[in-house]
Amino acid sequence: MSDPVSTALAGARHVGYVTIEEAGPVGMITLRCRADVAPALAALNLPVPGQRRIVGAGARRVAWMSPDEWLILLPPADVARATAALTAALAGQPHLCADVSDARAVLHLHGPRVREVLAKACPVDLGRMTPGEMRRSRAGQIAAAFWLEDDRTATVLCYRSVARYAFDLFAMLARPGSEVGLFD
C-alpha cells in the first residue's frame, strides 16, 4: 500500500528573487449561509472578516470569499470538531459547511518583491493592496485567492488539481534576472 501524500506538491520549494514554497497541510472549511455568521464563528472563537478581508492569527483564520461565503483556515486536526460546531450553531438555517482541506493547495511567497511577482500573474492593483486584504482573482490561467501577510509575504490558495501549474508559474516569475522593479 502506498503512503498518502498530505500536500499537493510534497513540500515543494523554489528560491528565486522571491521564494515560493508549499505550505504544510492546512485545514479548510467552506461555510455558506445567508444568516448572520457571527454566532457560528464565535463558536470557534473567530471574528467575522469584513468584505475582502482575512482575519485571525496564526493557523486559525477566516477569509471573506463572497457576501454569503467564508473560508475558515485552521489546523487539520481541528476540522472535524469545527465543522460539527458550525453545523450545530447554524442548525435550522439553510447553510453549507464542508471540509475542503483536500480540495486546495496553499503556497507561500516570501521576499521584498512579492508584490511584483504577484502582479506579473494576477490582474490586481497590488500597489494599493494592504496586508489582510483578500482577493479572488486569476493567476495566469487559473483561479486563485491570495492575501498579503505583510509587505514581504503572501499566501496563495488554488485548487489542488492545478497546484503544480501555480507553483511553476510563480517560480518562473521569480527567476533571478526577471525583476522589473515595479514597486521599487
N, C-alpha and C. Protein backbone atom coordinates (compact mmCIF):
# COMPACT_ATOMS: atom_id res chain seq x y z
N MET A 1 0.84 -1.17 0.00
CA MET A 1 0.00 0.00 0.00
C MET A 1 0.89 1.24 0.00
N SER A 2 0.52 2.21 -0.80
CA SER A 2 1.34 3.42 -0.88
C SER A 2 1.03 4.35 0.29
N ASP A 3 1.99 5.20 0.59
CA ASP A 3 1.80 6.19 1.65
C ASP A 3 1.00 7.36 1.09
N PRO A 4 0.06 7.89 1.85
CA PRO A 4 -0.71 9.03 1.36
C PRO A 4 0.17 10.28 1.30
N VAL A 5 -0.09 11.12 0.33
CA VAL A 5 0.59 12.40 0.21
C VAL A 5 -0.30 13.43 0.87
N SER A 6 0.24 14.13 1.86
CA SER A 6 -0.60 15.05 2.63
C SER A 6 -0.73 16.43 1.99
N THR A 7 0.13 16.76 1.05
CA THR A 7 0.02 18.03 0.35
C THR A 7 0.12 17.77 -1.15
N ALA A 8 -0.32 18.71 -1.93
CA ALA A 8 -0.35 18.54 -3.38
C ALA A 8 1.04 18.42 -4.00
N LEU A 9 2.02 19.12 -3.43
CA LEU A 9 3.34 19.20 -4.05
C LEU A 9 4.46 18.64 -3.17
N ALA A 10 4.09 17.91 -2.13
CA ALA A 10 5.07 17.28 -1.24
C ALA A 10 6.11 18.28 -0.71
N GLY A 11 5.66 19.48 -0.37
CA GLY A 11 6.56 20.47 0.24
C GLY A 11 7.50 21.16 -0.72
N ALA A 12 7.12 21.29 -1.98
CA ALA A 12 7.99 21.90 -2.99
C ALA A 12 8.45 23.29 -2.56
N ARG A 13 9.68 23.64 -2.99
CA ARG A 13 10.27 24.93 -2.64
C ARG A 13 11.14 25.40 -3.79
N HIS A 14 11.05 26.68 -4.13
CA HIS A 14 11.88 27.29 -5.16
C HIS A 14 12.44 28.59 -4.60
N VAL A 15 13.75 28.77 -4.74
CA VAL A 15 14.38 30.00 -4.29
C VAL A 15 14.77 30.82 -5.51
N GLY A 16 14.12 31.95 -5.65
CA GLY A 16 14.42 32.92 -6.70
C GLY A 16 14.56 34.27 -6.02
N TYR A 17 14.26 35.35 -6.73
CA TYR A 17 14.31 36.64 -6.03
C TYR A 17 13.14 36.77 -5.07
N VAL A 18 12.15 35.89 -5.20
CA VAL A 18 11.12 35.63 -4.19
C VAL A 18 11.09 34.13 -4.01
N THR A 19 11.01 33.66 -2.78
CA THR A 19 10.95 32.23 -2.51
C THR A 19 9.50 31.77 -2.57
N ILE A 20 9.27 30.66 -3.27
CA ILE A 20 7.95 30.06 -3.40
C ILE A 20 8.01 28.72 -2.68
N GLU A 21 7.07 28.49 -1.75
CA GLU A 21 7.06 27.19 -1.09
C GLU A 21 5.64 26.76 -0.75
N GLU A 22 5.44 25.46 -0.86
CA GLU A 22 4.14 24.92 -0.50
C GLU A 22 4.04 24.88 1.02
N ALA A 23 2.89 25.28 1.52
CA ALA A 23 2.64 25.19 2.97
C ALA A 23 2.43 23.73 3.33
N GLY A 24 2.57 23.43 4.59
CA GLY A 24 2.21 22.10 5.06
C GLY A 24 0.71 21.93 4.99
N PRO A 25 0.19 20.83 5.48
CA PRO A 25 -1.26 20.62 5.45
C PRO A 25 -2.00 21.74 6.18
N VAL A 26 -3.08 22.20 5.56
CA VAL A 26 -3.92 23.26 6.12
C VAL A 26 -5.36 22.77 6.12
N GLY A 27 -6.01 22.85 7.26
CA GLY A 27 -7.43 22.52 7.33
C GLY A 27 -8.24 23.66 6.77
N MET A 28 -9.26 23.35 5.99
CA MET A 28 -10.11 24.38 5.38
C MET A 28 -11.56 23.96 5.42
N ILE A 29 -12.41 24.88 5.81
CA ILE A 29 -13.85 24.66 5.83
C ILE A 29 -14.50 25.78 5.02
N THR A 30 -15.33 25.40 4.07
CA THR A 30 -16.15 26.38 3.36
C THR A 30 -17.47 26.48 4.11
N LEU A 31 -17.86 27.70 4.41
CA LEU A 31 -19.13 27.96 5.08
C LEU A 31 -19.93 28.90 4.20
N ARG A 32 -21.11 28.44 3.80
CA ARG A 32 -22.03 29.29 3.02
C ARG A 32 -23.33 29.37 3.78
N CYS A 33 -23.81 30.59 3.97
CA CYS A 33 -25.11 30.79 4.62
C CYS A 33 -25.56 32.22 4.43
N ARG A 34 -26.85 32.42 4.54
CA ARG A 34 -27.41 33.77 4.45
C ARG A 34 -27.55 34.39 5.84
N ALA A 35 -27.47 33.57 6.83
CA ALA A 35 -27.67 34.02 8.21
C ALA A 35 -26.50 34.87 8.69
N ASP A 36 -26.72 35.54 9.80
CA ASP A 36 -25.63 36.24 10.47
C ASP A 36 -24.62 35.18 10.89
N VAL A 37 -23.43 35.28 10.38
CA VAL A 37 -22.42 34.26 10.62
C VAL A 37 -21.67 34.46 11.93
N ALA A 38 -21.82 35.61 12.56
CA ALA A 38 -21.06 35.91 13.78
C ALA A 38 -21.25 34.88 14.89
N PRO A 39 -22.48 34.44 15.21
CA PRO A 39 -22.61 33.44 16.28
C PRO A 39 -21.92 32.11 15.93
N ALA A 40 -21.99 31.72 14.67
CA ALA A 40 -21.35 30.47 14.27
C ALA A 40 -19.83 30.58 14.41
N LEU A 41 -19.26 31.69 13.95
CA LEU A 41 -17.81 31.87 14.07
C LEU A 41 -17.40 32.06 15.52
N ALA A 42 -18.26 32.65 16.32
CA ALA A 42 -17.97 32.82 17.75
C ALA A 42 -17.81 31.46 18.42
N ALA A 43 -18.51 30.45 17.92
CA ALA A 43 -18.37 29.10 18.47
C ALA A 43 -16.95 28.57 18.29
N LEU A 44 -16.23 29.15 17.34
CA LEU A 44 -14.83 28.77 17.10
C LEU A 44 -13.85 29.82 17.61
N ASN A 45 -14.37 30.82 18.32
CA ASN A 45 -13.55 31.94 18.80
C ASN A 45 -12.88 32.67 17.65
N LEU A 46 -13.62 32.85 16.56
CA LEU A 46 -13.10 33.56 15.40
C LEU A 46 -13.96 34.78 15.11
N PRO A 47 -13.33 35.88 14.69
CA PRO A 47 -14.10 37.09 14.34
C PRO A 47 -14.66 36.97 12.92
N VAL A 48 -15.55 37.87 12.59
CA VAL A 48 -16.12 37.93 11.24
C VAL A 48 -15.29 38.92 10.42
N PRO A 49 -14.76 38.48 9.28
CA PRO A 49 -13.98 39.42 8.47
C PRO A 49 -14.88 40.37 7.70
N GLY A 50 -14.36 41.56 7.44
CA GLY A 50 -15.06 42.49 6.56
C GLY A 50 -14.92 42.04 5.12
N GLN A 51 -15.58 42.76 4.24
CA GLN A 51 -15.52 42.43 2.82
C GLN A 51 -14.08 42.43 2.32
N ARG A 52 -13.71 41.39 1.59
CA ARG A 52 -12.37 41.18 1.03
C ARG A 52 -11.27 41.24 2.08
N ARG A 53 -11.52 40.68 3.26
CA ARG A 53 -10.52 40.67 4.33
C ARG A 53 -10.32 39.24 4.82
N ILE A 54 -9.18 39.02 5.45
CA ILE A 54 -8.91 37.79 6.17
C ILE A 54 -8.48 38.21 7.57
N VAL A 55 -9.06 37.56 8.58
CA VAL A 55 -8.78 37.92 9.98
C VAL A 55 -8.44 36.67 10.77
N GLY A 56 -7.90 36.89 11.95
CA GLY A 56 -7.47 35.80 12.81
C GLY A 56 -5.97 35.88 12.98
N ALA A 57 -5.42 34.83 13.56
CA ALA A 57 -3.98 34.83 13.81
C ALA A 57 -3.44 33.42 13.67
N GLY A 58 -2.19 33.35 13.21
CA GLY A 58 -1.53 32.06 13.10
C GLY A 58 -2.27 31.12 12.17
N ALA A 59 -2.50 29.90 12.64
CA ALA A 59 -3.14 28.87 11.82
C ALA A 59 -4.66 28.96 11.84
N ARG A 60 -5.24 29.88 12.60
CA ARG A 60 -6.71 29.99 12.72
C ARG A 60 -7.16 31.33 12.13
N ARG A 61 -7.79 31.25 10.96
CA ARG A 61 -8.20 32.46 10.25
C ARG A 61 -9.54 32.25 9.56
N VAL A 62 -10.16 33.37 9.22
CA VAL A 62 -11.39 33.35 8.43
C VAL A 62 -11.23 34.36 7.30
N ALA A 63 -11.53 33.92 6.09
CA ALA A 63 -11.46 34.79 4.92
C ALA A 63 -12.86 35.02 4.36
N TRP A 64 -13.16 36.27 4.04
CA TRP A 64 -14.40 36.61 3.35
C TRP A 64 -14.21 36.22 1.89
N MET A 65 -15.07 35.37 1.38
CA MET A 65 -14.97 34.93 -0.01
C MET A 65 -16.04 35.55 -0.90
N SER A 66 -17.21 35.81 -0.34
CA SER A 66 -18.32 36.47 -1.04
C SER A 66 -19.34 36.85 0.03
N PRO A 67 -20.41 37.57 -0.33
CA PRO A 67 -21.36 38.00 0.70
C PRO A 67 -21.98 36.87 1.52
N ASP A 68 -21.98 35.65 0.97
CA ASP A 68 -22.55 34.53 1.73
C ASP A 68 -21.58 33.36 1.87
N GLU A 69 -20.29 33.64 1.75
CA GLU A 69 -19.30 32.56 1.82
C GLU A 69 -18.05 33.00 2.58
N TRP A 70 -17.59 32.11 3.46
CA TRP A 70 -16.37 32.32 4.23
C TRP A 70 -15.52 31.07 4.13
N LEU A 71 -14.21 31.25 4.15
CA LEU A 71 -13.28 30.13 4.18
C LEU A 71 -12.57 30.18 5.52
N ILE A 72 -12.69 29.10 6.26
CA ILE A 72 -12.08 29.02 7.59
C ILE A 72 -10.82 28.16 7.46
N LEU A 73 -9.69 28.70 7.89
CA LEU A 73 -8.41 28.01 7.86
C LEU A 73 -8.03 27.68 9.29
N LEU A 74 -7.63 26.44 9.52
CA LEU A 74 -7.28 26.01 10.86
C LEU A 74 -6.44 24.76 10.79
N PRO A 75 -5.84 24.33 11.89
CA PRO A 75 -5.05 23.10 11.85
C PRO A 75 -5.92 21.93 11.40
N PRO A 76 -5.38 21.02 10.59
CA PRO A 76 -6.17 19.89 10.10
C PRO A 76 -6.84 19.08 11.21
N ALA A 77 -6.19 18.95 12.34
CA ALA A 77 -6.76 18.16 13.44
C ALA A 77 -8.02 18.79 14.02
N ASP A 78 -8.25 20.07 13.75
CA ASP A 78 -9.41 20.78 14.30
C ASP A 78 -10.62 20.81 13.37
N VAL A 79 -10.47 20.32 12.14
CA VAL A 79 -11.53 20.48 11.14
C VAL A 79 -12.82 19.77 11.52
N ALA A 80 -12.76 18.52 11.92
CA ALA A 80 -13.99 17.76 12.23
C ALA A 80 -14.75 18.42 13.38
N ARG A 81 -14.05 18.79 14.42
CA ARG A 81 -14.69 19.44 15.57
C ARG A 81 -15.28 20.80 15.18
N ALA A 82 -14.56 21.56 14.38
CA ALA A 82 -15.04 22.88 13.96
C ALA A 82 -16.25 22.75 13.03
N THR A 83 -16.22 21.78 12.13
CA THR A 83 -17.36 21.56 11.24
C THR A 83 -18.60 21.21 12.04
N ALA A 84 -18.45 20.36 13.04
CA ALA A 84 -19.59 19.99 13.90
C ALA A 84 -20.11 21.20 14.67
N ALA A 85 -19.21 22.03 15.18
CA ALA A 85 -19.62 23.22 15.94
C ALA A 85 -20.36 24.22 15.04
N LEU A 86 -19.87 24.41 13.83
CA LEU A 86 -20.53 25.32 12.89
C LEU A 86 -21.91 24.80 12.50
N THR A 87 -21.99 23.51 12.22
CA THR A 87 -23.27 22.90 11.85
C THR A 87 -24.28 23.03 12.99
N ALA A 88 -23.83 22.82 14.21
CA ALA A 88 -24.73 22.96 15.37
C ALA A 88 -25.17 24.41 15.54
N ALA A 89 -24.24 25.35 15.36
CA ALA A 89 -24.57 26.77 15.53
C ALA A 89 -25.56 27.26 14.47
N LEU A 90 -25.57 26.62 13.32
CA LEU A 90 -26.46 27.03 12.23
C LEU A 90 -27.65 26.09 12.04
N ALA A 91 -27.88 25.22 13.01
CA ALA A 91 -29.00 24.26 12.92
C ALA A 91 -30.31 25.00 12.66
N GLY A 92 -31.10 24.45 11.75
CA GLY A 92 -32.39 25.05 11.43
C GLY A 92 -32.31 26.17 10.40
N GLN A 93 -31.11 26.52 9.97
CA GLN A 93 -30.93 27.57 8.97
C GLN A 93 -30.29 26.95 7.72
N PRO A 94 -30.71 27.38 6.54
CA PRO A 94 -30.06 26.85 5.34
C PRO A 94 -28.57 27.22 5.35
N HIS A 95 -27.72 26.24 5.17
CA HIS A 95 -26.28 26.51 5.13
C HIS A 95 -25.54 25.32 4.51
N LEU A 96 -24.32 25.56 4.16
CA LEU A 96 -23.41 24.52 3.71
C LEU A 96 -22.14 24.68 4.53
N CYS A 97 -21.70 23.62 5.13
CA CYS A 97 -20.47 23.62 5.92
C CYS A 97 -19.71 22.37 5.49
N ALA A 98 -18.60 22.55 4.77
CA ALA A 98 -17.91 21.41 4.19
C ALA A 98 -16.40 21.49 4.41
N ASP A 99 -15.82 20.35 4.73
CA ASP A 99 -14.37 20.22 4.83
C ASP A 99 -13.82 20.19 3.41
N VAL A 100 -13.07 21.20 3.04
CA VAL A 100 -12.47 21.28 1.70
C VAL A 100 -10.94 21.25 1.78
N SER A 101 -10.42 20.71 2.85
CA SER A 101 -8.97 20.69 3.07
C SER A 101 -8.21 20.04 1.92
N ASP A 102 -8.76 18.97 1.37
CA ASP A 102 -8.06 18.26 0.30
C ASP A 102 -8.32 18.85 -1.08
N ALA A 103 -9.16 19.86 -1.17
CA ALA A 103 -9.52 20.43 -2.47
C ALA A 103 -8.53 21.51 -2.92
N ARG A 104 -7.80 22.09 -2.00
CA ARG A 104 -6.95 23.23 -2.34
C ARG A 104 -5.50 23.01 -1.91
N ALA A 105 -4.64 23.77 -2.55
CA ALA A 105 -3.23 23.81 -2.18
C ALA A 105 -2.93 25.23 -1.69
N VAL A 106 -1.91 25.34 -0.84
CA VAL A 106 -1.53 26.63 -0.26
C VAL A 106 -0.05 26.87 -0.55
N LEU A 107 0.24 28.03 -1.14
CA LEU A 107 1.61 28.42 -1.41
C LEU A 107 1.93 29.68 -0.62
N HIS A 108 3.18 29.76 -0.15
CA HIS A 108 3.67 30.98 0.49
C HIS A 108 4.74 31.58 -0.41
N LEU A 109 4.68 32.88 -0.61
CA LEU A 109 5.67 33.62 -1.37
C LEU A 109 6.34 34.59 -0.41
N HIS A 110 7.68 34.56 -0.36
CA HIS A 110 8.44 35.39 0.58
C HIS A 110 9.51 36.18 -0.17
N GLY A 111 9.63 37.45 0.13
CA GLY A 111 10.71 38.24 -0.42
C GLY A 111 10.30 39.70 -0.57
N PRO A 112 11.28 40.58 -0.69
CA PRO A 112 10.97 42.01 -0.75
C PRO A 112 10.19 42.42 -2.01
N ARG A 113 10.17 41.58 -3.02
CA ARG A 113 9.45 41.90 -4.26
C ARG A 113 8.25 40.97 -4.48
N VAL A 114 7.63 40.56 -3.40
CA VAL A 114 6.49 39.64 -3.51
C VAL A 114 5.35 40.27 -4.30
N ARG A 115 5.11 41.56 -4.14
CA ARG A 115 4.04 42.24 -4.90
C ARG A 115 4.32 42.16 -6.40
N GLU A 116 5.57 42.33 -6.77
CA GLU A 116 5.93 42.29 -8.19
C GLU A 116 5.64 40.92 -8.79
N VAL A 117 6.00 39.85 -8.10
CA VAL A 117 5.75 38.51 -8.62
C VAL A 117 4.25 38.26 -8.75
N LEU A 118 3.48 38.66 -7.75
CA LEU A 118 2.02 38.51 -7.84
C LEU A 118 1.47 39.34 -9.00
N ALA A 119 1.97 40.56 -9.17
CA ALA A 119 1.47 41.45 -10.23
C ALA A 119 1.74 40.89 -11.62
N LYS A 120 2.81 40.15 -11.77
CA LYS A 120 3.11 39.54 -13.07
C LYS A 120 2.06 38.49 -13.44
N ALA A 121 1.42 37.89 -12.46
CA ALA A 121 0.48 36.80 -12.71
C ALA A 121 -0.98 37.18 -12.55
N CYS A 122 -1.25 38.19 -11.74
CA CYS A 122 -2.63 38.47 -11.32
C CYS A 122 -3.08 39.87 -11.74
N PRO A 123 -4.27 40.01 -12.32
CA PRO A 123 -4.77 41.32 -12.72
C PRO A 123 -5.37 42.09 -11.54
N VAL A 124 -4.51 42.47 -10.62
CA VAL A 124 -4.92 43.17 -9.40
C VAL A 124 -3.96 44.33 -9.18
N ASP A 125 -4.45 45.45 -8.70
CA ASP A 125 -3.59 46.59 -8.38
C ASP A 125 -2.91 46.30 -7.04
N LEU A 126 -1.74 45.68 -7.11
CA LEU A 126 -1.04 45.30 -5.89
C LEU A 126 -0.37 46.48 -5.20
N GLY A 127 -0.25 47.59 -5.87
CA GLY A 127 0.29 48.78 -5.23
C GLY A 127 -0.65 49.32 -4.16
N ARG A 128 -1.93 49.05 -4.30
CA ARG A 128 -2.93 49.53 -3.34
C ARG A 128 -3.34 48.46 -2.34
N MET A 129 -2.97 47.23 -2.57
CA MET A 129 -3.40 46.14 -1.70
C MET A 129 -2.68 46.23 -0.36
N THR A 130 -3.42 46.03 0.71
CA THR A 130 -2.85 46.13 2.06
C THR A 130 -2.81 44.75 2.72
N PRO A 131 -1.91 44.54 3.67
CA PRO A 131 -1.91 43.27 4.39
C PRO A 131 -3.28 42.99 5.00
N GLY A 132 -3.71 41.73 4.88
CA GLY A 132 -5.01 41.32 5.40
C GLY A 132 -6.13 41.46 4.40
N GLU A 133 -5.84 42.05 3.24
CA GLU A 133 -6.86 42.16 2.19
C GLU A 133 -6.85 40.89 1.35
N MET A 134 -8.01 40.30 1.18
CA MET A 134 -8.19 39.04 0.46
C MET A 134 -8.65 39.32 -0.96
N ARG A 135 -8.08 38.64 -1.92
CA ARG A 135 -8.51 38.78 -3.31
C ARG A 135 -8.76 37.41 -3.92
N ARG A 136 -9.85 37.31 -4.65
CA ARG A 136 -10.12 36.16 -5.51
C ARG A 136 -9.92 36.68 -6.92
N SER A 137 -9.04 36.02 -7.66
CA SER A 137 -8.67 36.53 -8.97
C SER A 137 -8.18 35.38 -9.83
N ARG A 138 -7.26 35.71 -10.70
CA ARG A 138 -6.61 34.72 -11.55
C ARG A 138 -5.12 34.81 -11.31
N ALA A 139 -4.46 33.69 -11.49
CA ALA A 139 -3.00 33.64 -11.50
C ALA A 139 -2.67 32.93 -12.81
N GLY A 140 -2.27 33.69 -13.80
CA GLY A 140 -2.10 33.08 -15.12
C GLY A 140 -3.44 32.57 -15.62
N GLN A 141 -3.52 31.27 -15.85
CA GLN A 141 -4.72 30.66 -16.42
C GLN A 141 -5.66 30.04 -15.40
N ILE A 142 -5.39 30.21 -14.11
CA ILE A 142 -6.20 29.52 -13.10
C ILE A 142 -6.84 30.49 -12.10
N ALA A 143 -7.88 30.01 -11.47
CA ALA A 143 -8.49 30.76 -10.37
C ALA A 143 -7.60 30.64 -9.15
N ALA A 144 -7.48 31.73 -8.41
CA ALA A 144 -6.67 31.73 -7.19
C ALA A 144 -7.22 32.77 -6.23
N ALA A 145 -6.93 32.57 -4.98
CA ALA A 145 -7.22 33.57 -3.95
C ALA A 145 -5.90 33.85 -3.26
N PHE A 146 -5.70 35.09 -2.83
CA PHE A 146 -4.44 35.40 -2.15
C PHE A 146 -4.61 36.61 -1.26
N TRP A 147 -3.66 36.74 -0.35
CA TRP A 147 -3.60 37.90 0.54
C TRP A 147 -2.16 38.14 0.92
N LEU A 148 -1.89 39.38 1.32
CA LEU A 148 -0.58 39.75 1.84
C LEU A 148 -0.60 39.57 3.35
N GLU A 149 0.38 38.84 3.85
CA GLU A 149 0.56 38.72 5.30
C GLU A 149 1.21 40.01 5.82
N ASP A 150 2.17 40.49 5.04
CA ASP A 150 2.89 41.73 5.31
C ASP A 150 3.50 42.16 3.98
N ASP A 151 4.38 43.14 3.98
CA ASP A 151 4.93 43.64 2.72
C ASP A 151 5.92 42.69 2.05
N ARG A 152 6.29 41.60 2.70
CA ARG A 152 7.25 40.66 2.15
C ARG A 152 6.70 39.25 1.99
N THR A 153 5.46 39.01 2.40
CA THR A 153 4.93 37.65 2.41
C THR A 153 3.49 37.63 1.91
N ALA A 154 3.21 36.68 1.01
CA ALA A 154 1.85 36.48 0.51
C ALA A 154 1.49 35.01 0.62
N THR A 155 0.21 34.74 0.77
CA THR A 155 -0.31 33.38 0.75
C THR A 155 -1.25 33.26 -0.43
N VAL A 156 -1.10 32.18 -1.19
CA VAL A 156 -1.93 31.93 -2.38
C VAL A 156 -2.64 30.60 -2.21
N LEU A 157 -3.94 30.59 -2.48
CA LEU A 157 -4.74 29.36 -2.49
C LEU A 157 -5.14 29.07 -3.93
N CYS A 158 -5.05 27.80 -4.31
CA CYS A 158 -5.55 27.38 -5.62
C CYS A 158 -6.09 25.97 -5.48
N TYR A 159 -6.79 25.52 -6.50
CA TYR A 159 -7.27 24.14 -6.44
C TYR A 159 -6.09 23.19 -6.52
N ARG A 160 -6.19 22.11 -5.81
CA ARG A 160 -5.13 21.11 -5.74
C ARG A 160 -4.76 20.60 -7.14
N SER A 161 -5.75 20.45 -8.01
CA SER A 161 -5.50 19.91 -9.34
C SER A 161 -4.61 20.80 -10.20
N VAL A 162 -4.49 22.08 -9.85
CA VAL A 162 -3.65 22.99 -10.62
C VAL A 162 -2.49 23.53 -9.78
N ALA A 163 -2.19 22.87 -8.68
CA ALA A 163 -1.12 23.32 -7.78
C ALA A 163 0.24 23.35 -8.48
N ARG A 164 0.54 22.33 -9.28
CA ARG A 164 1.83 22.30 -9.97
C ARG A 164 1.93 23.48 -10.93
N TYR A 165 0.88 23.77 -11.65
CA TYR A 165 0.88 24.92 -12.56
C TYR A 165 1.15 26.20 -11.77
N ALA A 166 0.43 26.40 -10.67
CA ALA A 166 0.60 27.62 -9.87
C ALA A 166 2.03 27.74 -9.35
N PHE A 167 2.55 26.66 -8.81
CA PHE A 167 3.91 26.67 -8.28
C PHE A 167 4.91 27.02 -9.38
N ASP A 168 4.80 26.32 -10.52
CA ASP A 168 5.74 26.56 -11.62
C ASP A 168 5.61 27.98 -12.18
N LEU A 169 4.38 28.49 -12.23
CA LEU A 169 4.17 29.85 -12.71
C LEU A 169 4.89 30.85 -11.81
N PHE A 170 4.66 30.77 -10.50
CA PHE A 170 5.31 31.72 -9.60
C PHE A 170 6.82 31.53 -9.56
N ALA A 171 7.29 30.28 -9.66
CA ALA A 171 8.74 30.03 -9.70
C ALA A 171 9.36 30.68 -10.94
N MET A 172 8.68 30.56 -12.08
CA MET A 172 9.19 31.17 -13.31
C MET A 172 9.21 32.70 -13.18
N LEU A 173 8.16 33.26 -12.60
CA LEU A 173 8.07 34.72 -12.47
C LEU A 173 9.05 35.28 -11.46
N ALA A 174 9.58 34.42 -10.58
CA ALA A 174 10.52 34.86 -9.55
C ALA A 174 11.98 34.52 -9.90
N ARG A 175 12.22 34.12 -11.14
CA ARG A 175 13.60 33.80 -11.55
C ARG A 175 14.50 35.02 -11.41
N PRO A 176 15.68 34.85 -10.84
CA PRO A 176 16.63 35.96 -10.80
C PRO A 176 16.90 36.47 -12.22
N GLY A 177 16.92 37.78 -12.36
CA GLY A 177 17.13 38.39 -13.66
C GLY A 177 15.82 38.81 -14.33
N SER A 178 14.69 38.37 -13.77
CA SER A 178 13.40 38.75 -14.37
C SER A 178 12.72 39.88 -13.60
N GLU A 179 13.46 40.49 -12.67
CA GLU A 179 12.91 41.60 -11.90
C GLU A 179 12.59 42.77 -12.84
N VAL A 180 11.50 43.46 -12.57
CA VAL A 180 11.15 44.63 -13.37
C VAL A 180 11.13 45.91 -12.55
N GLY A 181 11.26 45.81 -11.24
CA GLY A 181 11.32 46.99 -10.38
C GLY A 181 10.02 47.76 -10.29
N LEU A 182 8.92 47.07 -10.46
CA LEU A 182 7.61 47.72 -10.49
C LEU A 182 7.28 48.49 -9.22
N PHE A 183 7.66 47.96 -8.07
CA PHE A 183 7.29 48.60 -6.80
C PHE A 183 8.51 49.14 -6.05
N ASP A 184 9.62 49.34 -6.75
CA ASP A 184 10.84 49.87 -6.11
C ASP A 184 10.71 51.34 -5.82
